Amino acid sequence: MKQCELKTKPAFRALIRLNVYTLLDLGKISPESLVNAHGLGPTSLVKLEPFLTYSIVQF
């Protein structure tokens, strides 16, 4: 599984405010919500983009 490391605390806190704790949680959030979230800047969004399509875990 890919890993994404957000090194900025504002980005991490923004995901927590959106109740995103796992990749499955991230898949439930609309891209518009992420763009409008305070603390998620362009760099963070670029790092999260590959993970936005995760909705089902494959084994």
N, C-alpha and C. Protein backbone atom coordinates (compact mmCIF):
# COMPACT_ATOMS: atom_id res chain seq x y z
N MET A 1 0.85 -1.18 0.00
CA MET A 1 0.00 0.00 0.00
C MET A 1 0.89 1.24 0.00
N LYS A 2 0.49 2.24 -0.72
CA LYS A 2 1.23 3.49 -0.76
C LYS A 2 1.13 4.20 0.58
N GLN A 3 2.13 4.99 0.88
CA GLN A 3 2.09 5.80 2.08
C GLN A 3 2.20 7.27 1.69
N CYS A 4 1.52 8.09 2.42
CA CYS A 4 1.58 9.52 2.20
C CYS A 4 1.95 10.17 3.51
N GLU A 5 2.97 10.98 3.50
CA GLU A 5 3.38 11.63 4.72
C GLU A 5 3.18 13.13 4.57
N LEU A 6 2.28 13.66 5.37
CA LEU A 6 2.10 15.11 5.41
C LEU A 6 2.94 15.63 6.55
N LYS A 7 3.91 16.46 6.22
CA LYS A 7 4.83 16.93 7.24
C LYS A 7 4.39 18.24 7.88
N THR A 8 3.29 18.80 7.40
CA THR A 8 2.85 20.05 7.98
C THR A 8 1.70 19.80 8.95
N LYS A 9 1.80 20.41 10.09
CA LYS A 9 0.74 20.24 11.09
C LYS A 9 -0.58 20.85 10.64
N PRO A 10 -0.60 21.98 9.93
CA PRO A 10 -1.89 22.51 9.48
C PRO A 10 -2.64 21.52 8.58
N ALA A 11 -1.93 20.85 7.70
CA ALA A 11 -2.57 19.88 6.80
C ALA A 11 -3.11 18.69 7.60
N PHE A 12 -2.32 18.23 8.54
CA PHE A 12 -2.74 17.12 9.39
C PHE A 12 -3.98 17.50 10.19
N ARG A 13 -3.97 18.68 10.78
CA ARG A 13 -5.12 19.14 11.56
C ARG A 13 -6.36 19.33 10.68
N ALA A 14 -6.17 19.77 9.44
CA ALA A 14 -7.30 19.94 8.53
C ALA A 14 -7.96 18.60 8.25
N LEU A 15 -7.17 17.56 8.06
CA LEU A 15 -7.74 16.23 7.82
C LEU A 15 -8.48 15.72 9.05
N ILE A 16 -7.94 15.98 10.22
CA ILE A 16 -8.61 15.57 11.46
C ILE A 16 -9.96 16.29 11.59
N ARG A 17 -9.99 17.59 11.27
CA ARG A 17 -11.26 18.34 11.33
C ARG A 17 -12.30 17.78 10.36
N LEU A 18 -11.83 17.19 9.25
CA LEU A 18 -12.73 16.59 8.27
C LEU A 18 -13.04 15.12 8.62
N ASN A 19 -12.55 14.65 9.78
CA ASN A 19 -12.74 13.26 10.23
C ASN A 19 -12.11 12.26 9.27
N VAL A 20 -10.94 12.60 8.75
CA VAL A 20 -10.20 11.71 7.87
C VAL A 20 -9.07 11.09 8.68
N TYR A 21 -9.21 9.79 8.94
CA TYR A 21 -8.20 9.05 9.71
C TYR A 21 -7.59 7.92 8.89
N THR A 22 -8.28 7.49 7.84
CA THR A 22 -7.80 6.39 7.00
C THR A 22 -8.02 6.76 5.53
N LEU A 23 -7.47 5.92 4.65
CA LEU A 23 -7.70 6.15 3.22
C LEU A 23 -9.16 5.98 2.86
N LEU A 24 -9.85 5.09 3.55
CA LEU A 24 -11.29 4.94 3.28
C LEU A 24 -12.03 6.21 3.64
N ASP A 25 -11.64 6.84 4.75
CA ASP A 25 -12.26 8.12 5.13
C ASP A 25 -11.99 9.18 4.08
N LEU A 26 -10.79 9.19 3.55
CA LEU A 26 -10.42 10.18 2.54
C LEU A 26 -11.27 10.01 1.28
N GLY A 27 -11.58 8.76 0.94
CA GLY A 27 -12.40 8.49 -0.23
C GLY A 27 -13.83 9.00 -0.10
N LYS A 28 -14.26 9.25 1.13
CA LYS A 28 -15.63 9.73 1.37
C LYS A 28 -15.74 11.26 1.30
N ILE A 29 -14.62 11.94 1.26
CA ILE A 29 -14.60 13.40 1.26
C ILE A 29 -14.58 13.90 -0.18
N SER A 30 -15.41 14.88 -0.46
CA SER A 30 -15.43 15.43 -1.81
C SER A 30 -14.18 16.27 -2.06
N PRO A 31 -13.70 16.29 -3.30
CA PRO A 31 -12.53 17.11 -3.61
C PRO A 31 -12.76 18.59 -3.27
N GLU A 32 -13.99 19.06 -3.43
CA GLU A 32 -14.29 20.46 -3.11
C GLU A 32 -14.07 20.74 -1.62
N SER A 33 -14.43 19.77 -0.78
CA SER A 33 -14.23 19.94 0.67
C SER A 33 -12.75 20.03 1.00
N LEU A 34 -11.94 19.24 0.31
CA LEU A 34 -10.50 19.28 0.55
C LEU A 34 -9.90 20.60 0.11
N VAL A 35 -10.31 21.07 -1.06
CA VAL A 35 -9.78 22.34 -1.58
C VAL A 35 -10.15 23.50 -0.66
N ASN A 36 -11.35 23.44 -0.09
CA ASN A 36 -11.82 24.53 0.76
C ASN A 36 -11.38 24.41 2.21
N ALA A 37 -10.76 23.29 2.57
CA ALA A 37 -10.36 23.09 3.97
C ALA A 37 -9.21 24.02 4.34
N HIS A 38 -9.37 24.72 5.44
CA HIS A 38 -8.31 25.59 5.94
C HIS A 38 -7.15 24.74 6.42
N GLY A 39 -5.97 24.95 5.88
CA GLY A 39 -4.78 24.21 6.28
C GLY A 39 -4.25 23.30 5.20
N LEU A 40 -5.08 22.99 4.21
CA LEU A 40 -4.61 22.17 3.10
C LEU A 40 -4.26 23.07 1.92
N GLY A 41 -2.98 23.20 1.67
CA GLY A 41 -2.51 24.04 0.58
C GLY A 41 -2.26 23.22 -0.67
N PRO A 42 -1.79 23.87 -1.71
CA PRO A 42 -1.54 23.19 -2.99
C PRO A 42 -0.58 22.01 -2.87
N THR A 43 0.45 22.14 -2.06
CA THR A 43 1.43 21.06 -1.91
C THR A 43 0.79 19.84 -1.26
N SER A 44 -0.01 20.06 -0.24
CA SER A 44 -0.68 18.94 0.44
C SER A 44 -1.68 18.27 -0.49
N LEU A 45 -2.39 19.06 -1.25
CA LEU A 45 -3.38 18.48 -2.16
C LEU A 45 -2.73 17.62 -3.24
N VAL A 46 -1.57 18.05 -3.72
CA VAL A 46 -0.84 17.26 -4.72
C VAL A 46 -0.42 15.92 -4.11
N LYS A 47 -0.01 15.93 -2.85
CA LYS A 47 0.40 14.69 -2.18
C LYS A 47 -0.78 13.77 -1.92
N LEU A 48 -1.95 14.33 -1.70
CA LEU A 48 -3.14 13.52 -1.40
C LEU A 48 -3.83 13.00 -2.66
N GLU A 49 -3.61 13.63 -3.79
CA GLU A 49 -4.33 13.30 -5.02
C GLU A 49 -4.31 11.81 -5.38
N PRO A 50 -3.17 11.12 -5.30
CA PRO A 50 -3.18 9.69 -5.67
C PRO A 50 -4.06 8.84 -4.76
N PHE A 51 -4.38 9.32 -3.58
CA PHE A 51 -5.15 8.56 -2.61
C PHE A 51 -6.64 8.86 -2.64
N LEU A 52 -7.05 9.81 -3.44
CA LEU A 52 -8.46 10.21 -3.45
C LEU A 52 -9.37 9.15 -4.07
N THR A 53 -8.83 8.20 -4.80
CA THR A 53 -9.65 7.19 -5.44
C THR A 53 -9.82 5.94 -4.58
N TYR A 54 -9.21 5.90 -3.39
CA TYR A 54 -9.36 4.74 -2.52
C TYR A 54 -10.75 4.73 -1.91
N SER A 55 -11.53 3.73 -2.26
CA SER A 55 -12.82 3.57 -1.63
C SER A 55 -13.00 2.12 -1.18
N ILE A 56 -12.23 1.21 -1.76
CA ILE A 56 -12.31 -0.20 -1.39
C ILE A 56 -10.88 -0.71 -1.22
N VAL A 57 -10.62 -1.39 -0.12
CA VAL A 57 -9.30 -1.97 0.10
C VAL A 57 -9.23 -3.28 -0.65
N GLN A 58 -8.18 -3.45 -1.43
CA GLN A 58 -8.00 -4.68 -2.20
C GLN A 58 -6.90 -5.51 -1.58
N PHE A 59 -7.14 -6.79 -1.47
CA PHE A 59 -6.12 -7.69 -0.93
C PHE A 59 -5.62 -8.61 -2.01
